[in-house]
Every structure is written in C-alpha cells, then in structure tokens.
C-alpha cells in the first residue's frame, strides 16, 4: 500500500500538507505547530485529486494492510456494517476502490434490494385544485382561489412514495453520488424515487419514525446517516476532494462497549444519570465494574490524569460500585496497574489496563480473539 499516514505522525507530503493547511474544513482533524503538520486521532481516508491517503491507527507492528484490516473490522463491528471478505480485501487494495467507495456500494446494494421488494408508501395529506371532488371540500380556499367554477379546491389523502423517509433516501443518494466513481446502482435507486420531492436534510436533527411497515429500511437509513455524517466534502472550483474520517476515541468506545455488552447482556452503555448537581455518563456499567475507555497512549502510571482518577472515584461512589477501570488500547507494551482512590477502608478500587487489538486474521476470527481477551481483562 502507498500514501499511508499513521495517527499522531507528521504529514510529509508537501502537496497534501498545503491542501490541508488551505482547507478550513480539515483544520479540526490535524494539528499545525511551528510549520509541522501532524495527524490526530482521526482515521479513515482523505482524497485529494486522484490520490487517496489512508489515515490509520497504529495497532500492529506488522504492516500497513494489517492495520487497515483491523481498522475496518472495528468499523464493521461497532457500526453493524456487514461486508464480505472480498469487500474487505478490496479496501486494502491500492488499485481498487477506497473504503468510502466500498461502503457506498454496499449501501446502494442494500437499498436497491429493499426497493425491489417494494418502495415504502404512506398516506400523505394533499391540497389541490381538481376538476372533480376528492376528499374534503375546502370552502375558504374555493372562495379565495376559484373564480372560475370548473375546479374544486379539496383536501385528500394520497398513498404516496413522496414521504420523509424516501425524501431522505433521495437526498442521501444525490449526496453520495459526489463521492463515488461507480454511480450506476445509486442512479438506479434514484430513478426508482422519480416521484419523490428533492429536499435538503440536516442529519443532526433528523427524526424519522419507524414502524412495522417501514422497519426493513432502518438498516439502510442508519447506514446512510453514518456515511453522510463521516463524509466531509472539500469541493472547490473544478477540484473534487473529500475526507471520510472517524474519531478513534468514539470508535474504540463503541467497539469495546458493544463487545462487552455481547459478553454480559445486562451491561449498560453510555448510561446518563443525575445525582444532585452531578451529571454522570460512564462509558460502560457492568454488574460489579465501571469501565471508561481512553484512546490514548499511556507510558506509565504517572501519565494518568488527575481528572480521570477523580471521575472514576465519583462514578464508584455514586453508583455504589467499588471496582472501576480505565481501559486503554495497547501501544508498545501491555500494562496492568492498580490504585485505591480515597481512604483504604472507604476507597474505590481502580485498575488501569490495556487491551491488545492486534490480531492478523479474518473478520470473525478477529472478533472471537478480541472477545476472548476482553472476557479475561478483569482477571
């Protein structure tokens, strides 16, 4: 593979460096200090011109392809993305499509399959000036608009595909067309929605209700939200560029949390609780253990922040759970520290542990191995 940039490393490609510095939309994802530009905790792909740059987590010492595969495995599991082995391999093939390209095609295939089973329709209330009465006769509108008596202003319910869900899908299709070279399947989906009104959506405030009639579209909807929320358009003049980036803090938390809940189903994730003036939101609450994930490089016990210790003490006391853990990804060496926060007879036990995410294998074998490591993490 070529054009690899690891997290927290210097960007040496002068063309890419200038592009990042000149593009405000990328400033939150990189750090410029005394003319040295460094990547941060964001991983994924950055496209500039005809070149793809992979931003990868440094998990394996082996090679770039292993790190890319592990990153893709974490994405797939954390966000319920279902890829075939050949799709995963194509992401690592420098001559093939990039990660975003593969994900977009997967989304298009799934949505097209659902459309073939039937486009979702619902009753929409319409008002229109018709030649024959349909539904309810609107007196005020007829007096206001119908000077000629050959039309009737009425209100009626239309069983239509022009509903909010399909309008969102059309918006997603048109947006994703900007990021992919393989447009065929997206355009086929777009043609199916030819009766749907084109609208713009703010995905941060979007709230679509799912029921037994449209629930089969929920996976496609959530996949579209993921693709749109992580894609950053960087279009200027005749140049098309984009980034598709994930915050490793969030990805690590989701990956670990989901797997622990799979191991122990009663686990609570991101539980939001109020204790007086305190608002607490631990990452993971198990029956007898509270875990906060930290995607940081830890070299020694002295690197643990005082605020993190205090936070774990507050968690332990308010949830009445005496065992807590800060869980980090392993970087160079594994570590296993233990502390008592507060007085020994009334303190909170805190463990500081690392989980090795490195394992070179196929997807299911990888998950089985990491699951086994997590099951033994508190031993």
Protein backbone atom coordinates (compact mmCIF):
# COMPACT_ATOMS: atom_id res chain seq x y z
CA UNK A 1 0.00 0.00 0.00
CA UNK A 2 1.03 3.58 -0.55
CA UNK A 3 0.14 7.00 0.86
CA UNK A 4 -0.21 5.90 4.47
CA UNK A 5 -0.30 8.38 7.34
CA UNK A 6 -0.44 6.97 10.85
CA UNK A 7 -2.23 8.75 13.69
CA UNK A 8 -0.18 11.40 15.54
CA UNK A 9 2.55 11.47 12.89
CA UNK A 10 3.89 14.25 10.71
CA UNK A 11 2.41 14.85 7.26
CA UNK A 12 5.45 14.97 4.97
CA UNK A 13 3.76 15.10 1.56
CA UNK A 14 4.15 18.78 0.63
CA UNK A 15 1.16 18.85 -1.74
CA UNK A 16 -1.16 17.25 0.79
CA UNK A 17 0.22 19.43 3.58
CA UNK A 18 -0.55 22.61 1.63
CA UNK A 19 -4.03 21.31 0.80
CA UNK A 20 -4.82 20.61 4.46
CA UNK A 21 -3.48 23.98 5.63
CA UNK A 22 -5.52 25.77 2.94
CA UNK A 23 -8.73 23.85 3.72
CA UNK A 24 -10.52 25.12 6.88
CA UNK A 25 -12.84 22.08 6.94
CA UNK A 26 -9.79 19.89 7.74
CA UNK A 27 -8.29 22.01 10.49
CA UNK A 28 -10.07 20.13 13.29
CA UNK A 29 -8.55 16.85 12.11
CA UNK A 30 -4.90 17.90 12.02
CA UNK A 31 -2.62 19.98 14.22
CA UNK A 32 -0.23 22.63 12.88
CA UNK A 33 2.59 23.62 15.21
CA UNK A 34 5.60 25.65 14.02
CA UNK A 35 5.03 24.58 10.40
CA UNK A 36 4.89 20.92 11.43
CA UNK A 37 1.55 19.39 10.47
CA UNK A 38 0.54 16.26 12.37
CA UNK A 39 -2.40 13.90 12.10
CA UNK A 40 -4.57 13.46 15.18
CA UNK A 41 -6.87 10.67 16.39
CA UNK A 42 -8.97 10.69 13.20
CA UNK A 43 -8.62 7.72 10.89
CA UNK A 44 -10.11 6.87 7.51
CA UNK A 45 -9.40 8.19 4.04
CA UNK A 46 -8.57 11.59 2.60
CA UNK A 47 -8.94 12.02 -1.15
CA UNK A 48 -7.19 14.85 -2.95
CA UNK A 49 -7.32 15.00 -6.71
CA UNK A 50 -6.84 11.44 -7.92
CA UNK A 51 -4.90 10.29 -4.85
CA UNK A 52 -6.22 8.50 -1.77
CA UNK A 53 -4.39 8.92 1.53
CA UNK A 54 -5.15 6.42 4.26
CA UNK A 55 -5.04 7.69 7.85
CA UNK A 56 -4.61 4.63 10.04
CA UNK A 57 -4.36 3.71 13.72
CA UNK A 58 -1.01 2.24 14.74
CA UNK A 59 -2.19 -1.08 16.18
CA UNK A 60 0.01 -3.69 14.53
CA UNK A 61 3.77 -3.59 14.08
CA UNK A 62 3.44 -6.00 11.17
CA UNK A 63 2.38 -3.98 8.12
CA UNK A 64 0.02 -1.35 6.77
CA UNK A 65 -2.50 -3.82 5.39
CA UNK A 66 -2.95 -5.43 8.81
CA UNK A 67 -3.60 -2.04 10.39
CA UNK A 68 -6.12 -1.18 7.69
CA UNK A 69 -7.90 -4.51 8.11
CA UNK A 70 -8.14 -4.08 11.89
CA UNK A 71 -9.50 -0.56 11.44
CA UNK A 72 -12.13 -1.87 9.00
CA UNK A 73 -13.01 -4.73 11.38
CA UNK A 74 -13.56 -2.25 14.20
CA UNK A 75 -15.78 -0.09 11.96
CA UNK A 76 -17.80 -3.06 10.77
CA UNK A 77 -18.44 -4.35 14.26
CA UNK A 78 -19.03 -1.03 16.02
CA UNK A 79 -21.46 0.25 13.36
CA UNK A 80 -23.04 -3.07 12.28
CA UNK A 81 -21.62 -2.87 8.75
CA UNK A 82 -21.80 -6.21 7.00
CA UNK A 83 -19.02 -6.71 4.44
CA UNK A 84 -17.97 -9.83 2.59
CA UNK A 85 -14.32 -10.94 2.73
CA UNK A 86 -13.76 -9.78 -0.86
CA UNK A 87 -15.11 -6.32 0.06
CA UNK A 88 -12.63 -6.09 2.93
CA UNK A 89 -9.79 -7.16 0.65
CA UNK A 90 -10.73 -4.52 -1.91
CA UNK A 91 -10.42 -1.79 0.72
CA UNK A 92 -6.79 -2.79 1.22
CA UNK A 93 -6.02 -3.00 -2.50
CA UNK A 94 -4.45 0.27 -3.61
CA UNK A 95 -5.63 -0.28 -7.19
CA UNK A 96 -9.26 -0.76 -6.20
CA UNK A 97 -11.89 1.44 -4.65
CA UNK A 98 -11.30 3.21 -1.36
CA UNK A 99 -13.11 2.48 1.91
CA UNK A 100 -15.83 5.02 1.26
CA UNK A 101 -16.36 3.69 -2.26
CA UNK A 102 -16.87 0.15 -0.94
CA UNK A 103 -19.23 1.33 1.81
CA UNK A 104 -21.29 3.41 -0.64
CA UNK A 105 -21.69 0.43 -2.97
CA UNK A 106 -22.74 -1.74 -0.03
CA UNK A 107 -25.35 0.86 0.94
CA UNK A 108 -26.62 1.09 -2.65
CA UNK A 109 -26.90 -2.69 -2.96
CA UNK A 110 -28.88 -2.98 0.26
CA UNK A 111 -31.22 -0.09 -0.55
CA UNK A 112 -31.81 -1.35 -4.11
CA UNK A 113 -32.69 -4.79 -2.77
CA UNK A 114 -35.27 -3.25 -0.43
CA UNK A 115 -36.71 -1.14 -3.26
CA UNK A 116 -37.11 -4.30 -5.35
CA UNK A 117 -39.25 -5.73 -2.54
CA UNK A 118 -41.37 -2.57 -2.72
CA UNK A 119 -40.90 1.16 -2.20
CA UNK A 120 -42.29 2.38 1.11
CA UNK A 121 -45.50 4.38 0.79
CA UNK A 122 -47.70 6.12 3.33
CA UNK A 123 -50.79 8.31 3.29
CA UNK A 124 -49.88 11.97 2.76
CA UNK A 125 -52.43 14.76 3.14
CA UNK A 126 -52.57 16.84 -0.05
CA UNK A 127 -54.42 20.02 -1.06
CA UNK A 128 -55.06 20.70 -4.73
CA UNK A 129 -57.38 22.35 -7.24
CA UNK A 130 -59.10 19.50 -9.09
CA UNK A 131 -61.83 19.19 -11.68
CA UNK A 132 -63.72 16.65 -9.57
CA UNK A 133 -64.27 16.49 -5.82
CA UNK A 134 -61.81 14.29 -3.98
CA UNK A 135 -61.81 14.01 -0.21
CA UNK A 136 -62.87 17.12 1.72
CA UNK A 137 -64.30 20.27 0.09
CA UNK A 138 -62.40 23.37 1.33
CA UNK A 139 -64.86 26.27 1.44
CA UNK A 140 -62.43 29.10 2.24
CA UNK A 141 -59.89 28.04 -0.39
CA UNK A 142 -62.60 27.75 -3.05
CA UNK A 143 -63.83 31.28 -2.31
CA UNK A 144 -60.24 32.55 -2.37
CA UNK A 145 -58.87 30.82 -5.47
CA UNK A 146 -61.71 29.59 -7.67
CA UNK A 147 -63.16 32.48 -9.64
CA UNK A 148 -63.89 30.03 -12.44
CA UNK A 149 -66.25 27.33 -11.23
CA UNK A 150 -64.80 24.44 -13.25
CA UNK A 151 -62.40 23.46 -10.43
CA UNK A 152 -62.84 22.37 -6.82
CA UNK A 153 -60.26 23.06 -4.12
CA UNK A 154 -60.14 19.98 -1.90
CA UNK A 155 -58.06 18.10 0.65
CA UNK A 156 -57.45 14.38 0.34
CA UNK A 157 -55.10 11.59 1.44
CA UNK A 158 -52.72 10.21 -1.18
CA UNK A 159 -50.97 6.84 -0.74
CA UNK A 160 -47.61 8.12 -1.88
CA UNK A 161 -43.90 7.38 -2.02
CA UNK A 162 -43.29 11.12 -1.51
CA UNK A 163 -42.77 10.77 2.24
CA UNK A 164 -39.99 11.91 4.57
CA UNK A 165 -38.12 8.59 4.57
CA UNK A 166 -37.89 8.43 0.78
CA UNK A 167 -37.07 12.15 0.58
CA UNK A 168 -34.13 11.46 2.89
CA UNK A 169 -33.00 8.49 0.80
CA UNK A 170 -33.10 10.67 -2.31
CA UNK A 171 -31.02 13.32 -0.53
CA UNK A 172 -28.52 10.65 0.58
CA UNK A 173 -28.27 9.19 -2.94
CA UNK A 174 -27.64 12.58 -4.54
CA UNK A 175 -25.01 13.44 -1.91
CA UNK A 176 -23.17 10.12 -2.13
CA UNK A 177 -23.04 10.41 -5.93
CA UNK A 178 -20.49 13.19 -5.37
CA UNK A 179 -18.07 10.80 -3.63
CA UNK A 180 -18.06 7.76 -5.89
CA UNK A 181 -16.88 6.83 -9.38
CA UNK A 182 -19.24 3.86 -9.62
CA UNK A 183 -22.56 5.68 -9.90
CA UNK A 184 -24.68 3.06 -11.68
CA UNK A 185 -26.52 1.49 -8.73
CA UNK A 186 -27.01 4.81 -6.95
CA UNK A 187 -28.62 6.23 -10.10
CA UNK A 188 -30.86 3.17 -10.40
CA UNK A 189 -32.09 3.80 -6.85
CA UNK A 190 -32.55 7.47 -7.70
CA UNK A 191 -34.72 6.60 -10.73
CA UNK A 192 -36.97 4.44 -8.56
CA UNK A 193 -37.69 7.56 -6.47
CA UNK A 194 -38.68 9.63 -9.51
CA UNK A 195 -41.94 10.73 -7.84
CA UNK A 196 -40.19 11.89 -4.66
CA UNK A 197 -39.54 15.55 -3.92
CA UNK A 198 -35.88 16.52 -3.57
CA UNK A 199 -35.17 18.16 -0.20
CA UNK A 200 -32.13 19.04 1.89
CA UNK A 201 -31.79 17.45 5.35
CA UNK A 202 -29.85 18.30 8.48
CA UNK A 203 -28.88 14.82 9.64
CA UNK A 204 -28.15 16.10 13.16
CA UNK A 205 -31.81 16.99 13.72
CA UNK A 206 -33.42 14.29 11.59
CA UNK A 207 -36.01 12.14 13.36
CA UNK A 208 -37.80 9.51 11.31
CA UNK A 209 -40.28 7.18 12.98
CA UNK A 210 -40.04 3.50 12.08
CA UNK A 211 -42.90 1.03 12.33
CA UNK A 212 -43.68 -2.49 11.15
CA UNK A 213 -44.36 -1.19 7.62
CA UNK A 214 -41.02 0.58 7.06
CA UNK A 215 -38.78 -1.16 9.58
CA UNK A 216 -36.99 -3.13 6.84
CA UNK A 217 -35.47 0.20 5.69
CA UNK A 218 -33.99 1.02 9.11
CA UNK A 219 -30.57 -0.54 8.44
CA UNK A 220 -30.25 1.39 5.16
CA UNK A 221 -31.31 4.58 6.93
CA UNK A 222 -28.73 4.16 9.71
CA UNK A 223 -26.03 3.26 7.17
CA UNK A 224 -26.83 6.40 5.18
CA UNK A 225 -26.62 8.53 8.34
CA UNK A 226 -23.20 7.04 9.09
CA UNK A 227 -21.88 7.70 5.57
CA UNK A 228 -23.20 11.26 5.48
CA UNK A 229 -22.03 12.18 8.99
CA UNK A 230 -18.46 10.97 8.44
CA UNK A 231 -18.04 12.30 4.89
CA UNK A 232 -16.51 15.75 4.55
CA UNK A 233 -16.96 17.45 1.15
CA UNK A 234 -13.96 19.55 0.13
CA UNK A 235 -15.06 20.73 -3.30
CA UNK A 236 -13.50 23.86 -4.75
CA UNK A 237 -13.63 25.19 -8.32
CA UNK A 238 -13.04 22.22 -10.62
CA UNK A 239 -11.38 20.07 -7.96
CA UNK A 240 -13.30 17.39 -6.13
CA UNK A 241 -11.89 16.22 -2.84
CA UNK A 242 -13.33 14.60 0.25
CA UNK A 243 -12.48 13.03 3.58
CA UNK A 244 -14.14 10.09 5.34
CA UNK A 245 -12.87 10.16 8.91
CA UNK A 246 -13.71 8.55 12.25
CA UNK A 247 -12.70 9.74 15.70
CA UNK A 248 -10.82 6.79 17.21
CA UNK A 249 -11.93 7.84 20.71
CA UNK A 250 -15.54 7.18 19.71
CA UNK A 251 -14.77 4.11 17.60
CA UNK A 252 -12.75 2.47 20.40
CA UNK A 253 -15.51 3.20 22.93
CA UNK A 254 -18.25 1.80 20.65
CA UNK A 255 -16.22 -1.26 19.71
CA UNK A 256 -15.33 -2.19 23.29
CA UNK A 257 -18.76 -1.30 24.69
CA UNK A 258 -20.66 -3.35 22.15
CA UNK A 259 -18.42 -6.36 22.66
CA UNK A 260 -18.68 -6.23 26.46
CA UNK A 261 -22.47 -5.98 26.20
CA UNK A 262 -22.39 -9.05 23.97
CA UNK A 263 -20.39 -10.86 26.65
CA UNK A 264 -22.59 -9.60 29.50
CA UNK A 265 -26.03 -8.56 28.13
CA UNK A 266 -27.08 -6.64 31.28
CA UNK A 267 -24.26 -4.15 30.69
CA UNK A 268 -25.35 -0.50 30.33
CA UNK A 269 -23.60 1.66 27.73
CA UNK A 270 -23.36 5.46 27.99
CA UNK A 271 -25.87 5.47 30.86
CA UNK A 272 -26.94 9.04 31.62
CA UNK A 273 -27.72 9.68 35.30
CA UNK A 274 -28.18 12.74 37.51
CA UNK A 275 -27.05 12.74 41.15
CA UNK A 276 -27.93 16.11 42.64
CA UNK A 277 -25.89 18.65 40.68
CA UNK A 278 -23.78 15.90 39.11
CA UNK A 279 -24.49 14.61 35.61
CA UNK A 280 -22.70 11.28 35.16
CA UNK A 281 -22.25 9.29 31.97
CA UNK A 282 -19.84 6.36 32.33
CA UNK A 283 -18.92 4.51 29.15
CA UNK A 284 -19.69 1.02 30.46
CA UNK A 285 -21.53 -0.08 33.62
CA UNK A 286 -21.40 -3.78 34.44
CA UNK A 287 -22.84 -5.53 37.47
CA UNK A 288 -19.74 -5.01 39.60
CA UNK A 289 -17.45 -2.89 37.43
CA UNK A 290 -17.46 0.54 35.77
CA UNK A 291 -15.21 0.97 32.72
CA UNK A 292 -14.18 4.14 30.94
CA UNK A 293 -12.33 3.70 27.66
CA UNK A 294 -9.42 6.01 26.86
CA UNK A 295 -7.97 6.04 23.37
CA UNK A 296 -4.63 7.48 24.42
CA UNK A 297 -1.01 6.42 24.56
CA UNK A 298 -0.07 5.60 28.15
CA UNK A 299 3.58 5.04 29.01
CA UNK A 300 3.39 4.79 32.79
CA UNK A 301 1.09 5.15 35.79
CA UNK A 302 2.21 8.76 36.17
CA UNK A 303 0.60 9.60 32.80
CA UNK A 304 -2.89 9.05 34.22
CA UNK A 305 -4.61 12.39 34.59
CA UNK A 306 -5.80 13.54 37.99
CA UNK A 307 -9.20 14.39 36.50
CA UNK A 308 -9.61 10.81 35.26
CA UNK A 309 -8.90 9.45 38.74
CA UNK A 310 -11.37 11.84 40.31
CA UNK A 311 -14.01 10.95 37.72
CA UNK A 312 -13.68 7.23 38.44
CA UNK A 313 -13.91 7.91 42.19
CA UNK A 314 -17.14 9.86 41.63
CA UNK A 315 -18.53 7.06 39.47
CA UNK A 316 -17.73 4.41 42.05
CA UNK A 317 -19.25 6.34 44.95
CA UNK A 318 -22.44 7.42 43.20
CA UNK A 319 -23.17 4.09 41.53
CA UNK A 320 -22.13 2.20 44.68
CA UNK A 321 -19.69 0.08 42.68
CA UNK A 322 -16.25 -0.17 44.26
CA UNK A 323 -14.41 -1.56 41.23
CA UNK A 324 -13.56 0.72 38.31
CA UNK A 325 -11.26 0.50 35.31
CA UNK A 326 -9.61 2.77 32.78
CA UNK A 327 -9.13 0.73 29.61
CA UNK A 328 -6.57 1.80 27.00
CA UNK A 329 -5.52 0.22 23.71
CA UNK A 330 -2.11 -1.41 23.88
CA UNK A 331 0.59 0.52 22.03
CA UNK A 332 4.08 -0.80 22.69
CA UNK A 333 3.77 -2.78 25.91
CA UNK A 334 0.86 -4.15 27.93
CA UNK A 335 0.28 -2.64 31.35
CA UNK A 336 -1.72 -3.55 34.41
CA UNK A 337 -1.78 -1.09 37.32
CA UNK A 338 -3.96 -0.94 40.42
CA UNK A 339 -4.81 2.05 42.60
CA UNK A 340 -7.06 2.78 45.56
CA UNK A 341 -8.84 6.13 45.26
CA UNK A 342 -9.60 7.61 48.67
CA UNK A 343 -9.05 6.03 52.06
CA UNK A 344 -8.36 2.31 52.00
CA UNK A 345 -11.37 1.40 54.15
CA UNK A 346 -13.71 3.62 52.14
CA UNK A 347 -11.94 3.89 48.80
CA UNK A 348 -12.69 2.94 45.23
CA UNK A 349 -10.52 0.37 43.50
CA UNK A 350 -9.27 1.44 40.09
CA UNK A 351 -7.46 -0.74 37.60
CA UNK A 352 -5.60 0.65 34.61
CA UNK A 353 -5.37 -1.92 31.85
CA UNK A 354 -4.58 -2.21 28.17
CA UNK A 355 -6.28 -4.34 25.54
CA UNK A 356 -4.23 -5.62 22.63
CA UNK A 357 -6.29 -5.04 19.46
CA UNK A 358 -3.68 -6.60 17.20
CA UNK A 359 -4.58 -9.93 15.63
CA UNK A 360 -3.96 -10.77 11.98
CA UNK A 361 -6.83 -12.94 10.79
CA UNK A 362 -10.20 -12.99 9.04
CA UNK A 363 -13.03 -10.88 10.47
CA UNK A 364 -14.89 -13.49 12.55
CA UNK A 365 -11.66 -14.96 13.93
CA UNK A 366 -10.52 -11.46 14.85
CA UNK A 367 -13.71 -10.78 16.80
CA UNK A 368 -13.51 -14.13 18.59
CA UNK A 369 -9.95 -13.40 19.69
CA UNK A 370 -10.64 -9.86 20.95
CA UNK A 371 -13.79 -11.11 22.69
CA UNK A 372 -11.70 -13.74 24.47
CA UNK A 373 -9.17 -11.10 25.55
CA UNK A 374 -11.94 -8.89 26.92
CA UNK A 375 -13.50 -11.76 28.85
CA UNK A 376 -10.20 -12.15 30.68
CA UNK A 377 -9.41 -8.44 31.06
CA UNK A 378 -10.56 -8.24 34.68
CA UNK A 379 -8.65 -11.31 35.78
